[in-house]
């Protein structure tokens, strides 16, 4: 089974699949999942969905088969596989597929497992949004992203993608003291917005801070003309104690304050997109089951992570209103880098962690449904 697992991952990594160009890898994965015993379908936008089992609970495993652009030659060295997507996120995806295939052979497992490999996670989240639109229901969900084989991600910050257009009057660049410069003003507005949020240093950790990052700026028409229109884009990350609506309103207030002291400057802000923050309670049976599985497989306690990034887990968690965590092998710091690689032994360990988690969730759910207890009026604990 280990050789089969390594071969699946290596084959997936050998197919270059940047967002929007997933057809080849989808066809390959659908064929491999059929060989492993899944009932497989490819939906209208190219998501690959495999299922097995019936009844309750339904355990939803979701990963993505697209990567960021930028081809990296596939190579295996010193127990590591180097390739684009090794960590983000074909390693977790392959591990989920292999784990589910192993569970399918367990006669004691009662329930249904659904494995989805979605498109465009790195770009538009189109794949996950389509699955939500189609109305897939589940009792538990795990999203496959690199947490590290001994860690479980229980929270991600939310996000606002903000576009701000700044306009001023213009004149000759030889007389800059006579006119407002839209480029200068755009930088000022960016800094003003950033300073309108409580400083990171005052928070328990960066995870609980609102942050703003200037990611794009365009403006200026000619060398001798003072810029009169500038567009900037801000990436604002939002901790779970706030909603995107609250932070957007606070940001608009900051812009209004700036305009009050700069009456010659016109500013228009538009929210291009937003994702709500999401965090699952540490007391969730899903968190307990996955943590216990990490402890069983690795003989060490799991570490619960809260990340400052934003992922499809946020979208799934909010829309489907169910327990969901993110787990998968790989070092997330290698995402999108030229050194992206996965340690083969950690990939293989993660397959066992996924497998144990699926089995524990099935057992826990059916014990609760059947009213089994440990004799003290409590449900049987997950070990």
Protein backbone atom coordinates (compact mmCIF):
# COMPACT_ATOMS: atom_id res chain seq x y z
CA UNK A 1 0.00 0.00 0.00
CA UNK A 2 2.90 2.39 0.68
CA UNK A 3 4.28 1.94 -2.83
CA UNK A 4 0.80 2.54 -4.24
CA UNK A 5 0.43 5.72 -2.15
CA UNK A 6 3.81 7.08 -3.25
CA UNK A 7 3.04 6.25 -6.87
CA UNK A 8 -0.31 8.10 -6.71
CA UNK A 9 1.29 11.22 -5.29
CA UNK A 10 4.19 11.13 -7.74
CA UNK A 11 1.83 10.79 -10.68
CA UNK A 12 -0.31 13.69 -9.46
CA UNK A 13 2.78 15.85 -9.07
CA UNK A 14 3.89 14.93 -12.58
CA UNK A 15 0.81 16.63 -14.02
CA UNK A 16 1.17 20.42 -14.11
CA UNK A 17 -2.21 21.83 -13.07
CA UNK A 18 -2.26 25.59 -12.42
CA UNK A 19 -5.66 27.08 -11.61
CA UNK A 20 -7.96 26.93 -14.62
CA UNK A 21 -6.03 24.07 -16.25
CA UNK A 22 -7.07 21.07 -14.16
CA UNK A 23 -8.69 18.89 -16.84
CA UNK A 24 -5.75 16.49 -17.28
CA UNK A 25 -5.23 15.89 -13.57
CA UNK A 26 -9.00 15.56 -13.02
CA UNK A 27 -9.25 12.83 -15.65
CA UNK A 28 -6.26 11.01 -14.19
CA UNK A 29 -7.51 11.24 -10.62
CA UNK A 30 -11.01 10.10 -11.53
CA UNK A 31 -9.55 7.00 -13.17
CA UNK A 32 -7.30 6.21 -10.20
CA UNK A 33 -10.15 6.62 -7.71
CA UNK A 34 -12.31 4.23 -9.71
CA UNK A 35 -9.51 1.65 -9.55
CA UNK A 36 -9.43 2.15 -5.76
CA UNK A 37 -13.13 1.30 -5.49
CA UNK A 38 -14.78 4.72 -5.33
CA UNK A 39 -17.95 5.65 -7.15
CA UNK A 40 -16.63 8.63 -9.09
CA UNK A 41 -18.15 11.56 -10.90
CA UNK A 42 -16.87 14.79 -12.41
CA UNK A 43 -19.25 17.71 -11.94
CA UNK A 44 -20.11 20.54 -14.32
CA UNK A 45 -17.04 22.65 -13.52
CA UNK A 46 -14.49 19.85 -13.23
CA UNK A 47 -14.51 18.88 -9.55
CA UNK A 48 -13.80 15.17 -9.04
CA UNK A 49 -16.05 13.59 -6.41
CA UNK A 50 -15.65 10.04 -5.16
CA UNK A 51 -17.85 8.26 -2.62
CA UNK A 52 -18.19 4.93 -0.86
CA UNK A 53 -20.37 3.53 1.89
CA UNK A 54 -23.88 4.44 2.96
CA UNK A 55 -25.81 5.57 5.98
CA UNK A 56 -24.52 7.85 8.71
CA UNK A 57 -22.32 9.71 9.35
CA UNK A 58 -21.21 11.40 6.15
CA UNK A 59 -17.55 12.39 6.40
CA UNK A 60 -16.47 14.95 3.81
CA UNK A 61 -12.81 15.13 2.80
CA UNK A 62 -12.05 18.06 0.52
CA UNK A 63 -8.79 18.92 -1.22
CA UNK A 64 -7.73 20.85 -4.28
CA UNK A 65 -5.86 19.68 -7.35
CA UNK A 66 -4.86 23.06 -8.76
CA UNK A 67 -1.64 24.86 -7.92
CA UNK A 68 -0.27 28.34 -8.33
CA UNK A 69 1.47 28.95 -11.63
CA UNK A 70 5.16 28.17 -11.88
CA UNK A 71 6.40 24.77 -12.98
CA UNK A 72 8.92 22.95 -10.78
CA UNK A 73 10.67 19.84 -12.13
CA UNK A 74 9.65 16.68 -10.27
CA UNK A 75 12.51 15.03 -8.41
CA UNK A 76 12.93 12.65 -5.48
CA UNK A 77 15.90 13.20 -3.17
CA UNK A 78 16.75 11.96 0.32
CA UNK A 79 13.24 10.84 1.18
CA UNK A 80 11.58 13.99 -0.19
CA UNK A 81 9.51 14.69 -3.30
CA UNK A 82 10.09 18.09 -4.88
CA UNK A 83 7.43 19.51 -7.23
CA UNK A 84 4.87 22.27 -7.54
CA UNK A 85 1.92 21.21 -5.38
CA UNK A 86 3.85 18.71 -3.24
CA UNK A 87 2.73 20.63 -0.17
CA UNK A 88 -0.03 22.85 -1.53
CA UNK A 89 -1.92 20.66 -1.79
CA UNK A 90 -1.51 17.43 -3.75
CA UNK A 91 0.23 15.78 -0.80
CA UNK A 92 -2.81 16.19 1.47
CA UNK A 93 -5.16 15.32 -1.40
CA UNK A 94 -3.39 12.06 -2.24
CA UNK A 95 -3.25 11.16 1.46
CA UNK A 96 -7.00 11.64 1.85
CA UNK A 97 -7.73 9.51 -1.21
CA UNK A 98 -5.49 6.69 0.00
CA UNK A 99 -6.85 6.84 3.56
CA UNK A 100 -10.45 6.71 2.38
CA UNK A 101 -9.64 3.76 0.11
CA UNK A 102 -8.23 1.89 3.11
CA UNK A 103 -11.30 2.66 5.24
CA UNK A 104 -13.51 1.30 2.46
CA UNK A 105 -11.95 -2.12 3.11
CA UNK A 106 -12.79 -1.99 6.83
CA UNK A 107 -15.96 -4.07 7.40
CA UNK A 108 -16.53 -2.43 10.80
CA UNK A 109 -16.89 1.07 9.35
CA UNK A 110 -20.44 2.33 9.16
CA UNK A 111 -21.10 5.51 7.26
CA UNK A 112 -20.40 7.30 4.04
CA UNK A 113 -17.19 8.97 2.95
CA UNK A 114 -17.12 11.62 0.27
CA UNK A 115 -13.80 12.79 -1.19
CA UNK A 116 -13.86 15.93 -3.34
CA UNK A 117 -10.95 17.24 -5.38
CA UNK A 118 -11.84 20.79 -6.33
CA UNK A 119 -10.67 23.28 -8.94
CA UNK A 120 -9.38 26.85 -8.65
CA UNK A 121 -8.75 26.97 -4.91
CA UNK A 122 -5.67 29.09 -5.59
CA UNK A 123 -7.63 31.59 -7.67
CA UNK A 124 -11.38 31.98 -7.22
CA UNK A 125 -12.49 29.14 -4.90
CA UNK A 126 -14.88 28.31 -7.72
CA UNK A 127 -14.73 24.59 -7.00
CA UNK A 128 -15.76 24.83 -3.36
CA UNK A 129 -18.42 27.42 -4.08
CA UNK A 130 -19.95 25.12 -6.70
CA UNK A 131 -20.04 22.21 -4.25
CA UNK A 132 -21.81 24.41 -1.72
CA UNK A 133 -24.27 25.55 -4.39
CA UNK A 134 -25.02 21.94 -5.27
CA UNK A 135 -25.97 21.30 -1.66
CA UNK A 136 -23.64 18.58 -0.43
CA UNK A 137 -24.40 17.70 3.19
CA UNK A 138 -22.06 16.17 5.75
CA UNK A 139 -21.66 15.60 9.47
CA UNK A 140 -17.92 16.29 9.62
CA UNK A 141 -15.46 17.78 7.16
CA UNK A 142 -11.68 17.94 6.82
CA UNK A 143 -10.01 20.22 4.33
CA UNK A 144 -6.67 19.02 3.03
CA UNK A 145 -4.02 21.71 3.36
CA UNK A 146 -0.53 21.53 4.88
CA UNK A 147 -0.77 21.85 8.65
CA UNK A 148 2.18 19.58 9.35
CA UNK A 149 1.56 15.94 10.12
CA UNK A 150 1.39 16.53 13.89
CA UNK A 151 -0.72 19.70 13.79
CA UNK A 152 -4.42 20.44 13.33
CA UNK A 153 -5.56 23.83 12.03
CA UNK A 154 -8.75 24.93 13.77
CA UNK A 155 -8.93 28.57 12.69
CA UNK A 156 -8.24 30.92 9.79
CA UNK A 157 -8.62 34.67 9.59
CA UNK A 158 -11.12 36.22 7.22
CA UNK A 159 -10.27 38.51 4.33
CA UNK A 160 -11.40 41.65 2.54
CA UNK A 161 -9.98 42.48 -0.88
CA UNK A 162 -10.34 46.25 -1.10
CA UNK A 163 -9.90 48.50 -4.12
CA UNK A 164 -9.39 52.22 -3.48
CA UNK A 165 -9.41 54.80 -6.29
CA UNK A 166 -7.82 58.17 -5.48
CA UNK A 167 -8.32 61.25 -7.68
CA UNK A 168 -6.79 64.74 -7.54
CA UNK A 169 -6.29 67.72 -9.84
CA UNK A 170 -3.15 67.76 -11.94
CA UNK A 171 -0.50 70.03 -13.33
CA UNK A 172 3.09 70.11 -14.51
CA UNK A 173 5.51 68.05 -12.48
CA UNK A 174 7.89 70.98 -12.30
CA UNK A 175 5.50 72.65 -9.81
CA UNK A 176 4.61 69.82 -7.38
CA UNK A 177 3.88 72.26 -4.53
CA UNK A 178 0.84 73.57 -6.39
CA UNK A 179 -1.06 70.30 -6.71
CA UNK A 180 -2.00 67.20 -4.78
CA UNK A 181 -0.31 64.05 -6.12
CA UNK A 182 -2.66 61.08 -6.38
CA UNK A 183 0.19 58.60 -5.96
CA UNK A 184 1.39 60.29 -2.78
CA UNK A 185 -2.15 60.48 -1.47
CA UNK A 186 -2.81 56.81 -2.19
CA UNK A 187 0.20 55.85 -0.06
CA UNK A 188 -1.04 58.16 2.69
CA UNK A 189 -4.50 56.57 2.62
CA UNK A 190 -3.00 53.09 2.79
CA UNK A 191 -0.99 54.03 5.87
CA UNK A 192 -3.97 55.82 7.42
CA UNK A 193 -6.13 52.70 7.03
CA UNK A 194 -3.40 50.51 8.50
CA UNK A 195 -3.00 52.79 11.53
CA UNK A 196 -6.77 52.90 12.12
CA UNK A 197 -6.64 49.30 13.38
CA UNK A 198 -5.31 48.43 16.86
CA UNK A 199 -1.56 47.69 16.69
CA UNK A 200 -0.48 44.07 16.36
CA UNK A 201 1.70 44.52 19.44
CA UNK A 202 -1.39 45.05 21.59
CA UNK A 203 -2.92 41.71 20.59
CA UNK A 204 -2.38 38.31 22.13
CA UNK A 205 -0.92 37.18 18.79
CA UNK A 206 -1.03 38.34 15.13
CA UNK A 207 -3.94 35.96 14.64
CA UNK A 208 -6.14 38.29 16.68
CA UNK A 209 -5.06 41.48 14.88
CA UNK A 210 -6.69 43.21 11.93
CA UNK A 211 -3.96 43.75 9.32
CA UNK A 212 -3.81 45.62 6.03
CA UNK A 213 -1.25 44.99 3.30
CA UNK A 214 -0.82 47.15 0.19
CA UNK A 215 -0.60 44.58 -2.62
CA UNK A 216 -0.97 46.60 -5.83
CA UNK A 217 -0.70 50.19 -7.00
CA UNK A 218 -1.11 51.81 -10.41
CA UNK A 219 -1.11 55.45 -11.39
CA UNK A 220 0.64 58.16 -13.36
CA UNK A 221 0.33 58.95 -17.07
CA UNK A 222 3.52 60.72 -18.14
CA UNK A 223 6.91 61.80 -16.77
CA UNK A 224 6.03 65.49 -16.75
CA UNK A 225 2.48 65.21 -15.39
CA UNK A 226 1.54 65.09 -11.72
CA UNK A 227 -0.45 61.86 -11.18
CA UNK A 228 -4.16 62.65 -10.90
CA UNK A 229 -5.62 59.14 -10.53
CA UNK A 230 -4.25 56.15 -8.63
CA UNK A 231 -5.70 52.74 -7.85
CA UNK A 232 -4.49 50.71 -4.91
CA UNK A 233 -5.47 47.25 -3.68
CA UNK A 234 -5.38 46.28 -0.02
CA UNK A 235 -5.50 42.78 1.47
CA UNK A 236 -7.16 43.10 4.87
CA UNK A 237 -7.14 40.07 7.20
CA UNK A 238 -9.77 39.73 9.90
CA UNK A 239 -9.60 37.78 13.18
CA UNK A 240 -12.57 35.71 14.39
CA UNK A 241 -13.79 38.27 16.91
CA UNK A 242 -14.91 40.49 14.00
CA UNK A 243 -17.01 40.13 10.86
CA UNK A 244 -16.03 41.43 7.44
CA UNK A 245 -18.94 43.89 7.62
CA UNK A 246 -17.63 45.38 10.87
CA UNK A 247 -14.11 45.80 9.53
CA UNK A 248 -15.31 47.20 6.21
CA UNK A 249 -17.39 49.81 8.05
CA UNK A 250 -14.40 50.69 10.23
CA UNK A 251 -12.26 51.04 7.11
CA UNK A 252 -14.78 53.33 5.44
CA UNK A 253 -14.84 55.47 8.60
CA UNK A 254 -11.06 55.79 8.41
CA UNK A 255 -11.30 56.88 4.78
CA UNK A 256 -13.94 59.47 5.67
CA UNK A 257 -11.64 60.83 8.37
CA UNK A 258 -8.85 61.16 5.82
CA UNK A 259 -11.12 62.93 3.33
CA UNK A 260 -12.18 65.42 6.00
CA UNK A 261 -8.60 66.62 6.35
CA UNK A 262 -7.87 66.35 2.61
CA UNK A 263 -10.87 68.01 0.94
CA UNK A 264 -9.13 68.27 -2.47
CA UNK A 265 -8.76 64.49 -2.68
CA UNK A 266 -11.54 62.22 -3.99
CA UNK A 267 -11.53 58.67 -2.62
CA UNK A 268 -13.76 55.74 -3.56
CA UNK A 269 -13.42 52.35 -1.86
CA UNK A 270 -14.93 49.10 -3.20
CA UNK A 271 -14.94 45.65 -1.61
CA UNK A 272 -13.93 43.28 -4.43
CA UNK A 273 -14.40 40.11 -2.40
CA UNK A 274 -14.65 38.94 1.19
CA UNK A 275 -14.40 35.75 3.23
CA UNK A 276 -15.56 35.50 6.83
CA UNK A 277 -13.13 34.30 9.52
CA UNK A 278 -13.76 30.82 10.85
CA UNK A 279 -12.70 28.85 13.89
CA UNK A 280 -14.03 25.50 15.11
CA UNK A 281 -14.33 25.02 18.90
CA UNK A 282 -11.52 23.01 20.48
CA UNK A 283 -14.21 20.90 22.17
CA UNK A 284 -15.57 19.65 18.83
CA UNK A 285 -15.66 15.84 18.47
CA UNK A 286 -13.88 16.31 15.16
CA UNK A 287 -10.96 18.08 16.84
CA UNK A 288 -10.81 15.38 19.51
CA UNK A 289 -10.93 12.56 16.96
CA UNK A 290 -8.20 14.03 14.78
CA UNK A 291 -6.01 14.93 17.76
CA UNK A 292 -6.39 11.42 19.17
CA UNK A 293 -5.46 9.94 15.80
CA UNK A 294 -2.31 12.05 15.63
CA UNK A 295 -1.38 10.84 19.11
CA UNK A 296 -2.02 7.20 18.19
CA UNK A 297 -0.05 7.25 14.93
CA UNK A 298 2.84 9.51 15.95
CA UNK A 299 2.91 8.83 19.69
CA UNK A 300 2.91 12.55 20.46
CA UNK A 301 0.19 15.11 21.20
CA UNK A 302 -1.29 17.17 18.39
CA UNK A 303 -0.77 20.94 18.32
CA UNK A 304 -3.81 23.05 17.47
CA UNK A 305 -3.03 25.88 15.07
CA UNK A 306 -4.74 29.16 14.29
CA UNK A 307 -3.42 30.67 11.07
CA UNK A 308 -3.30 34.23 9.80
CA UNK A 309 -4.13 33.12 6.26
CA UNK A 310 -7.53 32.45 4.74
CA UNK A 311 -8.67 29.25 3.04
CA UNK A 312 -11.57 27.31 1.60
CA UNK A 313 -12.17 25.97 5.11
CA UNK A 314 -13.66 29.40 5.91
CA UNK A 315 -16.11 29.17 3.02
CA UNK A 316 -17.11 25.59 3.74
CA UNK A 317 -17.41 26.11 7.48
CA UNK A 318 -19.65 29.15 7.22
CA UNK A 319 -21.84 27.87 4.40
CA UNK A 320 -22.33 24.28 5.56
CA UNK A 321 -22.51 25.06 9.30
CA UNK A 322 -20.67 21.92 10.36
CA UNK A 323 -17.50 20.99 12.24
CA UNK A 324 -14.54 21.41 9.91
CA UNK A 325 -10.79 21.48 10.40
CA UNK A 326 -7.78 21.64 8.13
CA UNK A 327 -5.17 18.91 8.23
CA UNK A 328 -2.47 17.60 5.96
CA UNK A 329 1.21 16.73 5.66
CA UNK A 330 3.75 19.34 4.64
CA UNK A 331 5.30 22.59 5.81
CA UNK A 332 3.01 25.46 4.88
CA UNK A 333 5.99 27.83 4.72
CA UNK A 334 6.99 26.02 1.51
CA UNK A 335 3.72 26.96 -0.23
CA UNK A 336 4.35 28.66 -3.59
CA UNK A 337 8.14 28.57 -3.18
CA UNK A 338 10.83 27.18 -5.47
CA UNK A 339 11.81 24.74 -2.70
CA UNK A 340 8.36 23.15 -2.36
CA UNK A 341 8.69 19.54 -1.25
CA UNK A 342 7.10 16.93 0.98
CA UNK A 343 8.78 14.39 3.26
CA UNK A 344 7.61 10.96 2.13
CA UNK A 345 7.49 9.47 5.63
CA UNK A 346 5.26 12.32 6.83
CA UNK A 347 2.98 11.84 3.84
CA UNK A 348 2.62 8.15 4.70
CA UNK A 349 2.00 8.94 8.38
CA UNK A 350 -0.75 11.38 7.43
CA UNK A 351 -2.57 8.63 5.53
CA UNK A 352 -2.79 6.65 8.76
CA UNK A 353 -3.93 9.73 10.69
CA UNK A 354 -6.72 10.38 8.18
CA UNK A 355 -7.72 6.69 8.29
CA UNK A 356 -7.85 6.57 12.10
CA UNK A 357 -9.84 9.79 12.19
CA UNK A 358 -12.47 8.51 9.77
CA UNK A 359 -12.85 5.30 11.77
CA UNK A 360 -13.09 7.19 15.09
CA UNK A 361 -15.70 9.59 13.74
CA UNK A 362 -17.81 6.71 12.45
CA UNK A 363 -17.58 4.92 15.79
CA UNK A 364 -18.26 8.06 17.80
CA UNK A 365 -21.28 9.04 15.73
CA UNK A 366 -22.90 5.61 15.86
CA UNK A 367 -22.21 5.19 19.59
CA UNK A 368 -23.95 8.48 20.23
CA UNK A 369 -26.81 7.60 17.90
CA UNK A 370 -27.31 4.25 19.63
CA UNK A 371 -27.10 5.78 23.09
CA UNK A 372 -23.96 3.91 24.13
CA UNK A 373 -22.14 5.37 27.08
CA UNK A 374 -19.21 4.61 29.36
CA UNK A 375 -21.47 3.90 32.32
CA UNK A 376 -21.19 7.36 33.84
CA UNK A 377 -23.84 9.00 31.72
CA UNK A 378 -21.28 10.27 29.24
CA UNK A 379 -20.50 9.29 25.70
CA UNK A 380 -17.60 6.95 25.15
CA UNK A 381 -14.51 9.12 24.92
CA UNK A 382 -12.45 9.16 21.76
CA UNK A 383 -9.06 7.57 22.42
